[in-house]
Amino acid sequence: MKRLFVLAVVAGMLGAMLVGPALSNEVPPHAHLHVIGLQLDESGEWPTGWRKCHELANGRAVPLHAHHANLHTGRAGEAQWQAGNVVVPVLPPHTPWNNCAELEAFFLGGE
């Protein structure tokens, strides 16, 4: 149950960054990062690390027809989360990261 709450929190944070500014527009095609082995703080609300991060589809956009229903939500998104993984969108200017290094700097204070 706690993981579902954390998923809702993370999805809400990302959704606010992505969907909020784009309510009147269609979300443009965008790249995704696959974060493997996600570790969260004691509250279960903030990442403290992960084992590996890599760009899905070599940094290219995933077709929108396969997007949220398969990457972030639905059975595939839930299976990713249960395995300790998450798919993070790269959608400048709505996200402050363009790659794994910038994602790490944003969440973990890395370089």
PDB file of N, CA and C in Angstrom:
ATOM      1  N   MET A   1       0.822  -1.193   0.000  1.00  0.00           N
ATOM      2  CA  MET A   1       0.000   0.000   0.000  1.00  0.00           C
ATOM      3  C   MET A   1       0.866   1.258   0.000  1.00  0.00           C
ATOM      4  N   LYS A   2       1.977   1.201   0.749  1.00  0.00           N
ATOM      5  CA  LYS A   2       2.858   2.356   0.808  1.00  0.00           C
ATOM      6  C   LYS A   2       3.430   2.675  -0.574  1.00  0.00           C
ATOM      7  N   ARG A   3       3.779   1.626  -1.342  1.00  0.00           N
ATOM      8  CA  ARG A   3       4.316   1.853  -2.687  1.00  0.00           C
ATOM      9  C   ARG A   3       3.287   2.522  -3.586  1.00  0.00           C
ATOM     10  N   LEU A   4       2.030   2.169  -3.457  1.00  0.00           N
ATOM     11  CA  LEU A   4       1.002   2.823  -4.265  1.00  0.00           C
ATOM     12  C   LEU A   4       0.892   4.297  -3.903  1.00  0.00           C
ATOM     13  N   PHE A   5       1.030   4.612  -2.618  1.00  0.00           N
ATOM     14  CA  PHE A   5       1.003   6.012  -2.191  1.00  0.00           C
ATOM     15  C   PHE A   5       2.186   6.766  -2.776  1.00  0.00           C
ATOM     16  N   VAL A   6       3.372   6.161  -2.710  1.00  0.00           N
ATOM     17  CA  VAL A   6       4.567   6.803  -3.251  1.00  0.00           C
ATOM     18  C   VAL A   6       4.414   6.996  -4.751  1.00  0.00           C
ATOM     19  N   LEU A   7       3.889   5.997  -5.433  1.00  0.00           N
ATOM     20  CA  LEU A   7       3.655   6.118  -6.870  1.00  0.00           C
ATOM     21  C   LEU A   7       2.731   7.287  -7.164  1.00  0.00           C
ATOM     22  N   ALA A   8       1.696   7.427  -6.363  1.00  0.00           N
ATOM     23  CA  ALA A   8       0.759   8.539  -6.555  1.00  0.00           C
ATOM     24  C   ALA A   8       1.452   9.882  -6.328  1.00  0.00           C
ATOM     25  N   VAL A   9       2.321   9.949  -5.330  1.00  0.00           N
ATOM     26  CA  VAL A   9       3.046  11.193  -5.046  1.00  0.00           C
ATOM     27  C   VAL A   9       3.978  11.537  -6.195  1.00  0.00           C
ATOM     28  N   VAL A  10       4.772  10.556  -6.642  1.00  0.00           N
ATOM     29  CA  VAL A  10       5.707  10.793  -7.742  1.00  0.00           C
ATOM     30  C   VAL A  10       4.944  11.151  -9.011  1.00  0.00           C
ATOM     31  N   ALA A  11       3.892  10.417  -9.302  1.00  0.00           N
ATOM     32  CA  ALA A  11       3.090  10.713 -10.491  1.00  0.00           C
ATOM     33  C   ALA A  11       2.468  12.104 -10.398  1.00  0.00           C
ATOM     34  N   GLY A  12       2.043  12.476  -9.199  1.00  0.00           N
ATOM     35  CA  GLY A  12       1.471  13.811  -9.020  1.00  0.00           C
ATOM     36  C   GLY A  12       2.492  14.903  -9.236  1.00  0.00           C
ATOM     37  N   MET A  13       3.713  14.695  -8.726  1.00  0.00           N
ATOM     38  CA  MET A  13       4.776  15.686  -8.931  1.00  0.00           C
ATOM     39  C   MET A  13       5.088  15.844 -10.408  1.00  0.00           C
ATOM     40  N   LEU A  14       5.276  14.712 -11.076  1.00  0.00           N
ATOM     41  CA  LEU A  14       5.604  14.775 -12.490  1.00  0.00           C
ATOM     42  C   LEU A  14       4.426  15.273 -13.312  1.00  0.00           C
ATOM     43  N   GLY A  15       3.241  14.860 -12.944  1.00  0.00           N
ATOM     44  CA  GLY A  15       2.055  15.314 -13.660  1.00  0.00           C
ATOM     45  C   GLY A  15       1.863  16.817 -13.554  1.00  0.00           C
ATOM     46  N   ALA A  16       2.125  17.354 -12.383  1.00  0.00           N
ATOM     47  CA  ALA A  16       1.989  18.801 -12.210  1.00  0.00           C
ATOM     48  C   ALA A  16       2.985  19.543 -13.083  1.00  0.00           C
ATOM     49  N   MET A  17       4.208  18.997 -13.186  1.00  0.00           N
ATOM     50  CA  MET A  17       5.219  19.654 -14.012  1.00  0.00           C
ATOM     51  C   MET A  17       4.902  19.520 -15.492  1.00  0.00           C
ATOM     52  N   LEU A  18       4.341  18.374 -15.879  1.00  0.00           N
ATOM     53  CA  LEU A  18       4.131  18.113 -17.295  1.00  0.00           C
ATOM     54  C   LEU A  18       2.785  18.572 -17.812  1.00  0.00           C
ATOM     55  N   VAL A  19       1.742  18.164 -17.139  1.00  0.00           N
ATOM     56  CA  VAL A  19       0.405  18.394 -17.651  1.00  0.00           C
ATOM     57  C   VAL A  19      -0.109  19.786 -17.326  1.00  0.00           C
ATOM     58  N   GLY A  20       0.220  20.282 -16.143  1.00  0.00           N
ATOM     59  CA  GLY A  20      -0.267  21.599 -15.755  1.00  0.00           C
ATOM     60  C   GLY A  20      -0.030  22.669 -16.788  1.00  0.00           C
ATOM     61  N   PRO A  21       1.214  22.896 -17.196  1.00  0.00           N
ATOM     62  CA  PRO A  21       1.480  23.933 -18.184  1.00  0.00           C
ATOM     63  C   PRO A  21       0.945  23.605 -19.568  1.00  0.00           C
ATOM     64  N   ALA A  22       0.654  22.345 -19.833  1.00  0.00           N
ATOM     65  CA  ALA A  22       0.252  21.952 -21.177  1.00  0.00           C
ATOM     66  C   ALA A  22      -1.226  21.603 -21.279  1.00  0.00           C
ATOM     67  N   LEU A  23      -2.039  22.065 -20.330  1.00  0.00           N
ATOM     68  CA  LEU A  23      -3.449  21.697 -20.352  1.00  0.00           C
ATOM     69  C   LEU A  23      -4.138  22.105 -21.646  1.00  0.00           C
ATOM     70  N   SER A  24      -3.789  23.248 -22.165  1.00  0.00           N
ATOM     71  CA  SER A  24      -4.455  23.699 -23.377  1.00  0.00           C
ATOM     72  C   SER A  24      -3.806  23.127 -24.631  1.00  0.00           C
ATOM     73  N   ASN A  25      -2.657  22.483 -24.505  1.00  0.00           N
ATOM     74  CA  ASN A  25      -1.943  21.923 -25.648  1.00  0.00           C
ATOM     75  C   ASN A  25      -1.774  20.425 -25.487  1.00  0.00           C
ATOM     76  N   GLU A  26      -1.558  19.766 -26.587  1.00  0.00           N
ATOM     77  CA  GLU A  26      -1.249  18.350 -26.548  1.00  0.00           C
ATOM     78  C   GLU A  26       0.192  18.185 -26.056  1.00  0.00           C
ATOM     79  N   VAL A  27       0.444  17.158 -25.263  1.00  0.00           N
ATOM     80  CA  VAL A  27       1.808  16.916 -24.787  1.00  0.00           C
ATOM     81  C   VAL A  27       2.650  16.522 -25.995  1.00  0.00           C
ATOM     82  N   PRO A  28       3.732  17.229 -26.243  1.00  0.00           N
ATOM     83  CA  PRO A  28       4.572  16.902 -27.404  1.00  0.00           C
ATOM     84  C   PRO A  28       5.329  15.604 -27.188  1.00  0.00           C
ATOM     85  N   PRO A  29       5.756  14.963 -28.260  1.00  0.00           N
ATOM     86  CA  PRO A  29       6.586  13.759 -28.108  1.00  0.00           C
ATOM     87  C   PRO A  29       7.827  14.092 -27.282  1.00  0.00           C
ATOM     88  N   HIS A  30       8.228  13.172 -26.431  1.00  0.00           N
ATOM     89  CA  HIS A  30       9.363  13.432 -25.559  1.00  0.00           C
ATOM     90  C   HIS A  30      10.081  12.143 -25.184  1.00  0.00           C
ATOM     91  N   ALA A  31      11.318  12.297 -24.782  1.00  0.00           N
ATOM     92  CA  ALA A  31      12.154  11.163 -24.395  1.00  0.00           C
ATOM     93  C   ALA A  31      11.837  10.730 -22.965  1.00  0.00           C
ATOM     94  N   HIS A  32      12.396   9.597 -22.574  1.00  0.00           N
ATOM     95  CA  HIS A  32      12.193   9.061 -21.231  1.00  0.00           C
ATOM     96  C   HIS A  32      13.484   8.465 -20.697  1.00  0.00           C
ATOM     97  N   LEU A  33      13.626   8.528 -19.382  1.00  0.00           N
ATOM     98  CA  LEU A  33      14.737   7.898 -18.684  1.00  0.00           C
ATOM     99  C   LEU A  33      14.195   6.722 -17.887  1.00  0.00           C
ATOM    100  N   HIS A  34      14.891   5.608 -17.911  1.00  0.00           N
ATOM    101  CA  HIS A  34      14.495   4.430 -17.142  1.00  0.00           C
ATOM    102  C   HIS A  34      15.391   4.368 -15.915  1.00  0.00           C
ATOM    103  N   VAL A  35      14.798   4.591 -14.752  1.00  0.00           N
ATOM    104  CA  VAL A  35      15.534   4.591 -13.486  1.00  0.00           C
ATOM    105  C   VAL A  35      15.323   3.226 -12.833  1.00  0.00           C
ATOM    106  N   ILE A  36      16.419   2.521 -12.592  1.00  0.00           N
ATOM    107  CA  ILE A  36      16.368   1.145 -12.090  1.00  0.00           C
ATOM    108  C   ILE A  36      16.881   1.111 -10.655  1.00  0.00           C
ATOM    109  N   GLY A  37      16.175   0.395  -9.804  1.00  0.00           N
ATOM    110  CA  GLY A  37      16.590   0.245  -8.407  1.00  0.00           C
ATOM    111  C   GLY A  37      16.370   1.506  -7.596  1.00  0.00           C
ATOM    112  N   LEU A  38      15.253   2.154  -7.781  1.00  0.00           N
ATOM    113  CA  LEU A  38      14.929   3.400  -7.082  1.00  0.00           C
ATOM    114  C   LEU A  38      14.909   3.177  -5.572  1.00  0.00           C
ATOM    115  N   GLN A  39      15.587   4.064  -4.849  1.00  0.00           N
ATOM    116  CA  GLN A  39      15.600   4.034  -3.384  1.00  0.00           C
ATOM    117  C   GLN A  39      14.972   5.332  -2.903  1.00  0.00           C
ATOM    118  N   LEU A  40      14.092   5.226  -1.908  1.00  0.00           N
ATOM    119  CA  LEU A  40      13.380   6.397  -1.394  1.00  0.00           C
ATOM    120  C   LEU A  40      13.764   6.665   0.054  1.00  0.00           C
ATOM    121  N   ASP A  41      13.560   7.907   0.481  1.00  0.00           N
ATOM    122  CA  ASP A  41      13.848   8.272   1.867  1.00  0.00           C
ATOM    123  C   ASP A  41      12.850   7.598   2.806  1.00  0.00           C
ATOM    124  N   GLU A  42      13.008   7.827   4.105  1.00  0.00           N
ATOM    125  CA  GLU A  42      12.155   7.181   5.106  1.00  0.00           C
ATOM    126  C   GLU A  42      10.687   7.526   4.937  1.00  0.00           C
ATOM    127  N   SER A  43      10.405   8.717   4.440  1.00  0.00           N
ATOM    128  CA  SER A  43       9.008   9.108   4.228  1.00  0.00           C
ATOM    129  C   SER A  43       8.426   8.422   3.001  1.00  0.00           C
ATOM    130  N   GLY A  44       9.305   7.897   2.142  1.00  0.00           N
ATOM    131  CA  GLY A  44       8.841   7.253   0.924  1.00  0.00           C
ATOM    132  C   GLY A  44       8.418   8.227  -0.150  1.00  0.00           C
ATOM    133  N   GLU A  45       8.839   9.494  -0.005  1.00  0.00           N
ATOM    134  CA  GLU A  45       8.384  10.516  -0.936  1.00  0.00           C
ATOM    135  C   GLU A  45       9.493  11.130  -1.781  1.00  0.00           C
ATOM    136  N   TRP A  46      10.764  10.891  -1.482  1.00  0.00           N
ATOM    137  CA  TRP A  46      11.839  11.544  -2.215  1.00  0.00           C
ATOM    138  C   TRP A  46      12.942  10.539  -2.516  1.00  0.00           C
ATOM    139  N   PRO A  47      13.433  10.509  -3.749  1.00  0.00           N
ATOM    140  CA  PRO A  47      14.505   9.569  -4.081  1.00  0.00           C
ATOM    141  C   PRO A  47      15.808   9.909  -3.360  1.00  0.00           C
ATOM    142  N   THR A  48      16.482   8.876  -2.883  1.00  0.00           N
ATOM    143  CA  THR A  48      17.796   9.052  -2.264  1.00  0.00           C
ATOM    144  C   THR A  48      18.873   8.386  -3.101  1.00  0.00           C
ATOM    145  N   GLY A  49      18.475   7.683  -4.130  1.00  0.00           N
ATOM    146  CA  GLY A  49      19.440   7.040  -5.011  1.00  0.00           C
ATOM    147  C   GLY A  49      18.768   6.021  -5.909  1.00  0.00           C
ATOM    148  N   TRP A  50      19.560   5.486  -6.818  1.00  0.00           N
ATOM    149  CA  TRP A  50      19.122   4.404  -7.691  1.00  0.00           C
ATOM    150  C   TRP A  50      20.346   3.683  -8.199  1.00  0.00           C
ATOM    151  N   ARG A  51      20.118   2.487  -8.697  1.00  0.00           N
ATOM    152  CA  ARG A  51      21.214   1.646  -9.153  1.00  0.00           C
ATOM    153  C   ARG A  51      21.719   2.070 -10.531  1.00  0.00           C
ATOM    154  N   LYS A  52      20.798   2.387 -11.439  1.00  0.00           N
ATOM    155  CA  LYS A  52      21.188   2.707 -12.810  1.00  0.00           C
ATOM    156  C   LYS A  52      20.120   3.583 -13.450  1.00  0.00           C
ATOM    157  N   CYS A  53      20.551   4.420 -14.370  1.00  0.00           N
ATOM    158  CA  CYS A  53      19.645   5.243 -15.160  1.00  0.00           C
ATOM    159  C   CYS A  53      20.117   5.173 -16.605  1.00  0.00           C
ATOM    160  N   HIS A  54      19.180   4.994 -17.527  1.00  0.00           N
ATOM    161  CA  HIS A  54      19.554   5.035 -18.938  1.00  0.00           C
ATOM    162  C   HIS A  54      18.403   5.596 -19.764  1.00  0.00           C
ATOM    163  N   GLU A  55      18.742   6.090 -20.943  1.00  0.00           N
ATOM    164  CA  GLU A  55      17.745   6.664 -21.839  1.00  0.00           C
ATOM    165  C   GLU A  55      17.026   5.552 -22.581  1.00  0.00           C
ATOM    166  N   LEU A  56      15.698   5.605 -22.587  1.00  0.00           N
ATOM    167  CA  LEU A  56      14.918   4.660 -23.386  1.00  0.00           C
ATOM    168  C   LEU A  56      14.973   5.095 -24.841  1.00  0.00           C
ATOM    169  N   ALA A  57      14.955   4.166 -25.740  1.00  0.00           N
ATOM    170  CA  ALA A  57      14.890   4.434 -27.180  1.00  0.00           C
ATOM    171  C   ALA A  57      15.994   5.387 -27.634  1.00  0.00           C
ATOM    172  N   ASN A  58      17.184   5.268 -27.030  1.00  0.00           N
ATOM    173  CA  ASN A  58      18.324   6.127 -27.389  1.00  0.00           C
ATOM    174  C   ASN A  58      17.986   7.605 -27.341  1.00  0.00           C
ATOM    175  N   GLY A  59      17.169   7.994 -26.381  1.00  0.00           N
ATOM    176  CA  GLY A  59      16.825   9.392 -26.204  1.00  0.00           C
ATOM    177  C   GLY A  59      15.772   9.918 -27.155  1.00  0.00           C
ATOM    178  N   ARG A  60      15.213   9.053 -27.979  1.00  0.00           N
ATOM    179  CA  ARG A  60      14.155   9.482 -28.900  1.00  0.00           C
ATOM    180  C   ARG A  60      12.807   9.394 -28.199  1.00  0.00           C
ATOM    181  N   ALA A  61      11.857  10.096 -28.737  1.00  0.00           N
ATOM    182  CA  ALA A  61      10.503  10.082 -28.182  1.00  0.00           C
ATOM    183  C   ALA A  61       9.860   8.725 -28.395  1.00  0.00           C
ATOM    184  N   VAL A  62       9.088   8.314 -27.417  1.00  0.00           N
ATOM    185  CA  VAL A  62       8.282   7.104 -27.540  1.00  0.00           C
ATOM    186  C   VAL A  62       6.967   7.529 -28.182  1.00  0.00           C
ATOM    187  N   PRO A  63       6.450   6.767 -29.145  1.00  0.00           N
ATOM    188  CA  PRO A  63       5.191   7.173 -29.789  1.00  0.00           C
ATOM    189  C   PRO A  63       4.099   7.430 -28.756  1.00  0.00           C
ATOM    190  N   LEU A  64       3.351   8.513 -28.936  1.00  0.00           N
ATOM    191  CA  LEU A  64       2.337   8.889 -27.956  1.00  0.00           C
ATOM    192  C   LEU A  64       1.261   7.826 -27.788  1.00  0.00           C
ATOM    193  N   HIS A  65       0.961   7.052 -28.831  1.00  0.00           N
ATOM    194  CA  HIS A  65      -0.071   6.022 -28.674  1.00  0.00           C
ATOM    195  C   HIS A  65       0.362   4.926 -27.700  1.00  0.00           C
ATOM    196  N   ALA A  66       1.655   4.818 -27.449  1.00  0.00           N
ATOM    197  CA  ALA A  66       2.163   3.810 -26.514  1.00  0.00           C
ATOM    198  C   ALA A  66       2.599   4.432 -25.203  1.00  0.00           C
ATOM    199  N   HIS A  67       2.371   5.692 -25.046  1.00  0.00           N
ATOM    200  CA  HIS A  67       2.993   6.454 -23.979  1.00  0.00           C
ATOM    201  C   HIS A  67       2.491   6.123 -22.582  1.00  0.00           C
ATOM    202  N   HIS A  68       1.596   6.911 -22.021  1.00  0.00           N
ATOM    203  CA  HIS A  68       1.251   6.766 -20.613  1.00  0.00           C
ATOM    204  C   HIS A  68       0.626   5.431 -20.249  1.00  0.00           C
ATOM    205  N   ALA A  69      -0.165   4.885 -21.131  1.00  0.00           N
ATOM    206  CA  ALA A  69      -0.812   3.620 -20.807  1.00  0.00           C
ATOM    207  C   ALA A  69       0.207   2.503 -20.633  1.00  0.00           C
ATOM    208  N   ASN A  70       1.392   2.678 -21.181  1.00  0.00           N
ATOM    209  CA  ASN A  70       2.380   1.612 -21.100  1.00  0.00           C
ATOM    210  C   ASN A  70       3.627   1.961 -20.303  1.00  0.00           C
ATOM    211  N   LEU A  71       3.997   3.217 -20.236  1.00  0.00           N
ATOM    212  CA  LEU A  71       5.234   3.578 -19.548  1.00  0.00           C
ATOM    213  C   LEU A  71       5.023   3.951 -18.088  1.00  0.00           C
ATOM    214  N   HIS A  72       4.040   4.780 -17.821  1.00  0.00           N
ATOM    215  CA  HIS A  72       3.886   5.345 -16.485  1.00  0.00           C
ATOM    216  C   HIS A  72       2.767   4.693 -15.679  1.00  0.00           C
ATOM    217  N   THR A  73       1.726   4.289 -16.334  1.00  0.00           N
ATOM    218  CA  THR A  73       0.572   3.733 -15.628  1.00  0.00           C
ATOM    219  C   THR A  73       0.217   2.382 -16.232  1.00  0.00           C
ATOM    220  N   GLY A  74      -0.907   1.851 -15.842  1.00  0.00           N
ATOM    221  CA  GLY A  74      -1.327   0.565 -16.381  1.00  0.00           C
ATOM    222  C   GLY A  74      -0.449  -0.563 -15.883  1.00  0.00           C
ATOM    223  N   ARG A  75      -0.592  -1.715 -16.484  1.00  0.00           N
ATOM    224  CA  ARG A  75       0.140  -2.898 -16.035  1.00  0.00           C
ATOM    225  C   ARG A  75       1.652  -2.736 -16.142  1.00  0.00           C
ATOM    226  N   ALA A  76       2.119  -2.151 -17.233  1.00  0.00           N
ATOM    227  CA  ALA A  76       3.569  -2.015 -17.409  1.00  0.00           C
ATOM    228  C   ALA A  76       4.163  -1.051 -16.392  1.00  0.00           C
ATOM    229  N   GLY A  77       3.525   0.090 -16.191  1.00  0.00           N
ATOM    230  CA  GLY A  77       4.017   1.051 -15.212  1.00  0.00           C
ATOM    231  C   GLY A  77       3.988   0.486 -13.800  1.00  0.00           C
ATOM    232  N   GLU A  78       2.920  -0.240 -13.495  1.00  0.00           N
ATOM    233  CA  GLU A  78       2.808  -0.852 -12.169  1.00  0.00           C
ATOM    234  C   GLU A  78       3.881  -1.928 -11.969  1.00  0.00           C
ATOM    235  N   ALA A  79       4.131  -2.714 -12.992  1.00  0.00           N
ATOM    236  CA  ALA A  79       5.166  -3.747 -12.894  1.00  0.00           C
ATOM    237  C   ALA A  79       6.542  -3.113 -12.711  1.00  0.00           C
ATOM    238  N   GLN A  80       6.792  -2.016 -13.415  1.00  0.00           N
ATOM    239  CA  GLN A  80       8.061  -1.308 -13.235  1.00  0.00           C
ATOM    240  C   GLN A  80       8.202  -0.846 -11.789  1.00  0.00           C
ATOM    241  N   TRP A  81       7.150  -0.227 -11.276  1.00  0.00           N
ATOM    242  CA  TRP A  81       7.201   0.312  -9.910  1.00  0.00           C
ATOM    243  C   TRP A  81       7.410  -0.802  -8.890  1.00  0.00           C
ATOM    244  N   GLN A  82       6.702  -1.904  -9.048  1.00  0.00           N
ATOM    245  CA  GLN A  82       6.837  -3.017  -8.111  1.00  0.00           C
ATOM    246  C   GLN A  82       8.241  -3.609  -8.141  1.00  0.00           C
ATOM    247  N   ALA A  83       8.921  -3.479  -9.271  1.00  0.00           N
ATOM    248  CA  ALA A  83      10.294  -3.963  -9.388  1.00  0.00           C
ATOM    249  C   ALA A  83      11.303  -2.936  -8.880  1.00  0.00           C
ATOM    250  N   GLY A  84      10.815  -1.776  -8.418  1.00  0.00           N
ATOM    251  CA  GLY A  84      11.701  -0.739  -7.907  1.00  0.00           C
ATOM    252  C   GLY A  84      12.231   0.182  -8.992  1.00  0.00           C
ATOM    253  N   ASN A  85      11.532   0.222 -10.112  1.00  0.00           N
ATOM    254  CA  ASN A  85      11.955   1.034 -11.244  1.00  0.00           C
ATOM    255  C   ASN A  85      10.883   2.072 -11.556  1.00  0.00           C
ATOM    256  N   VAL A  86      11.283   3.096 -12.305  1.00  0.00           N
ATOM    257  CA  VAL A  86      10.321   4.112 -12.719  1.00  0.00           C
ATOM    258  C   VAL A  86      10.787   4.693 -14.050  1.00  0.00           C
ATOM    259  N   VAL A  87       9.830   5.079 -14.887  1.00  0.00           N
ATOM    260  CA  VAL A  87      10.125   5.730 -16.155  1.00  0.00           C
ATOM    261  C   VAL A  87       9.836   7.214 -15.976  1.00  0.00           C
ATOM    262  N   VAL A  88      10.856   8.039 -16.204  1.00  0.00           N
ATOM    263  CA  VAL A  88      10.784   9.475 -15.947  1.00  0.00           C
ATOM    264  C   VAL A  88      10.797  10.219 -17.283  1.00  0.00           C
ATOM    265  N   PRO A  89       9.850  11.132 -17.486  1.00  0.00           N
ATOM    266  CA  PRO A  89       9.828  11.870 -18.743  1.00  0.00           C
ATOM    267  C   PRO A  89      10.921  12.932 -18.826  1.00  0.00           C
ATOM    268  N   VAL A  90      11.360  13.198 -20.032  1.00  0.00           N
ATOM    269  CA  VAL A  90      12.281  14.294 -20.342  1.00  0.00           C
ATOM    270  C   VAL A  90      11.496  15.211 -21.272  1.00  0.00           C
ATOM    271  N   LEU A  91      11.031  16.319 -20.727  1.00  0.00           N
ATOM    272  CA  LEU A  91      10.160  17.194 -21.507  1.00  0.00           C
ATOM    273  C   LEU A  91      10.481  18.651 -21.213  1.00  0.00           C
ATOM    274  N   PRO A  92      11.635  19.113 -21.675  1.00  0.00           N
ATOM    275  CA  PRO A  92      11.951  20.534 -21.465  1.00  0.00           C
ATOM    276  C   PRO A  92      10.907  21.401 -22.154  1.00  0.00           C
ATOM    277  N   PRO A  93      10.505  22.498 -21.633  1.00  0.00           N
ATOM    278  CA  PRO A  93      11.028  23.149 -20.442  1.00  0.00           C
ATOM    279  C   PRO A  93      10.287  22.754 -19.168  1.00  0.00           C
ATOM    280  N   HIS A  94       9.431  21.754 -19.227  1.00  0.00           N
ATOM    281  CA  HIS A  94       8.618  21.381 -18.066  1.00  0.00           C
ATOM    282  C   HIS A  94       9.366  20.520 -17.061  1.00  0.00           C
ATOM    283  N   THR A  95      10.448  19.910 -17.473  1.00  0.00           N
ATOM    284  CA  THR A  95      11.291  19.168 -16.538  1.00  0.00           C
ATOM    285  C   THR A  95      12.667  19.812 -16.534  1.00  0.00           C
ATOM    286  N   PRO A  96      13.299  19.891 -15.387  1.00  0.00           N
ATOM    287  CA  PRO A  96      14.612  20.537 -15.301  1.00  0.00           C
ATOM    288  C   PRO A  96      15.773  19.605 -15.658  1.00  0.00           C
ATOM    289  N   TRP A  97      15.496  18.496 -16.337  1.00  0.00           N
ATOM    290  CA  TRP A  97      16.558  17.574 -16.719  1.00  0.00           C
ATOM    291  C   TRP A  97      16.383  17.162 -18.171  1.00  0.00           C
ATOM    292  N   ASN A  98      17.525  16.873 -18.802  1.00  0.00           N
ATOM    293  CA  ASN A  98      17.546  16.401 -20.185  1.00  0.00           C
ATOM    294  C   ASN A  98      18.178  15.025 -20.316  1.00  0.00           C
ATOM    295  N   ASN A  99      18.795  14.555 -19.237  1.00  0.00           N
ATOM    296  CA  ASN A  99      19.495  13.275 -19.281  1.00  0.00           C
ATOM    297  C   ASN A  99      19.662  12.759 -17.846  1.00  0.00           C
ATOM    298  N   CYS A 100      20.302  11.595 -17.716  1.00  0.00           N
ATOM    299  CA  CYS A 100      20.470  10.974 -16.399  1.00  0.00           C
ATOM    300  C   CYS A 100      21.320  11.822 -15.464  1.00  0.00           C
ATOM    301  N   ALA A 101      22.368  12.454 -15.981  1.00  0.00           N
ATOM    302  CA  ALA A 101      23.238  13.279 -15.125  1.00  0.00           C
ATOM    303  C   ALA A 101      22.452  14.452 -14.545  1.00  0.00           C
ATOM    304  N   GLU A 102      21.618  15.081 -15.359  1.00  0.00           N
ATOM    305  CA  GLU A 102      20.819  16.211 -14.877  1.00  0.00           C
ATOM    306  C   GLU A 102      19.725  15.750 -13.918  1.00  0.00           C
ATOM    307  N   LEU A 103      19.166  14.574 -14.141  1.00  0.00           N
ATOM    308  CA  LEU A 103      18.173  14.006 -13.226  1.00  0.00           C
ATOM    309  C   LEU A 103      18.830  13.759 -11.869  1.00  0.00           C
ATOM    310  N   GLU A 104      20.033  13.201 -11.893  1.00  0.00           N
ATOM    311  CA  GLU A 104      20.767  12.946 -10.651  1.00  0.00           C
ATOM    312  C   GLU A 104      21.069  14.255  -9.927  1.00  0.00           C
ATOM    313  N   ALA A 105      21.502  15.271 -10.658  1.00  0.00           N
ATOM    314  CA  ALA A 105      21.797  16.567 -10.043  1.00  0.00           C
ATOM    315  C   ALA A 105      20.553  17.152  -9.411  1.00  0.00           C
ATOM    316  N   PHE A 106      19.409  17.020 -10.078  1.00  0.00           N
ATOM    317  CA  PHE A 106      18.170  17.586  -9.554  1.00  0.00           C
ATOM    318  C   PHE A 106      17.728  16.897  -8.273  1.00  0.00           C
ATOM    319  N   PHE A 107      17.696  15.579  -8.264  1.00  0.00           N
ATOM    320  CA  PHE A 107      17.166  14.838  -7.122  1.00  0.00           C
ATOM    321  C   PHE A 107      18.213  14.523  -6.056  1.00  0.00           C
ATOM    322  N   LEU A 108      19.460  14.275  -6.477  1.00  0.00           N
ATOM    323  CA  LEU A 108      20.469  13.807  -5.528  1.00  0.00           C
ATOM    324  C   LEU A 108      21.588  14.801  -5.287  1.00  0.00           C
ATOM    325  N   GLY A 109      21.561  15.917  -5.999  1.00  0.00           N
ATOM    326  CA  GLY A 109      22.612  16.909  -5.837  1.00  0.00           C
ATOM    327  C   GLY A 109      23.928  16.467  -6.457  1.00  0.00           C
ATOM    328  N   GLY A 110      23.842  15.540  -7.438  1.00  0.00           N
ATOM    329  CA  GLY A 110      25.055  15.061  -8.117  1.00  0.00           C
ATOM    330  C   GLY A 110      25.569  16.083  -9.100  1.00  0.00           C
ATOM    331  N   GLU A 111      26.617  15.726  -9.786  1.00  0.00           N
ATOM    332  CA  GLU A 111      27.238  16.638 -10.757  1.00  0.00           C
ATOM    333  C   GLU A 111      26.621  16.492 -12.104  1.00  0.00           C
TER     334      GLU A 111
END
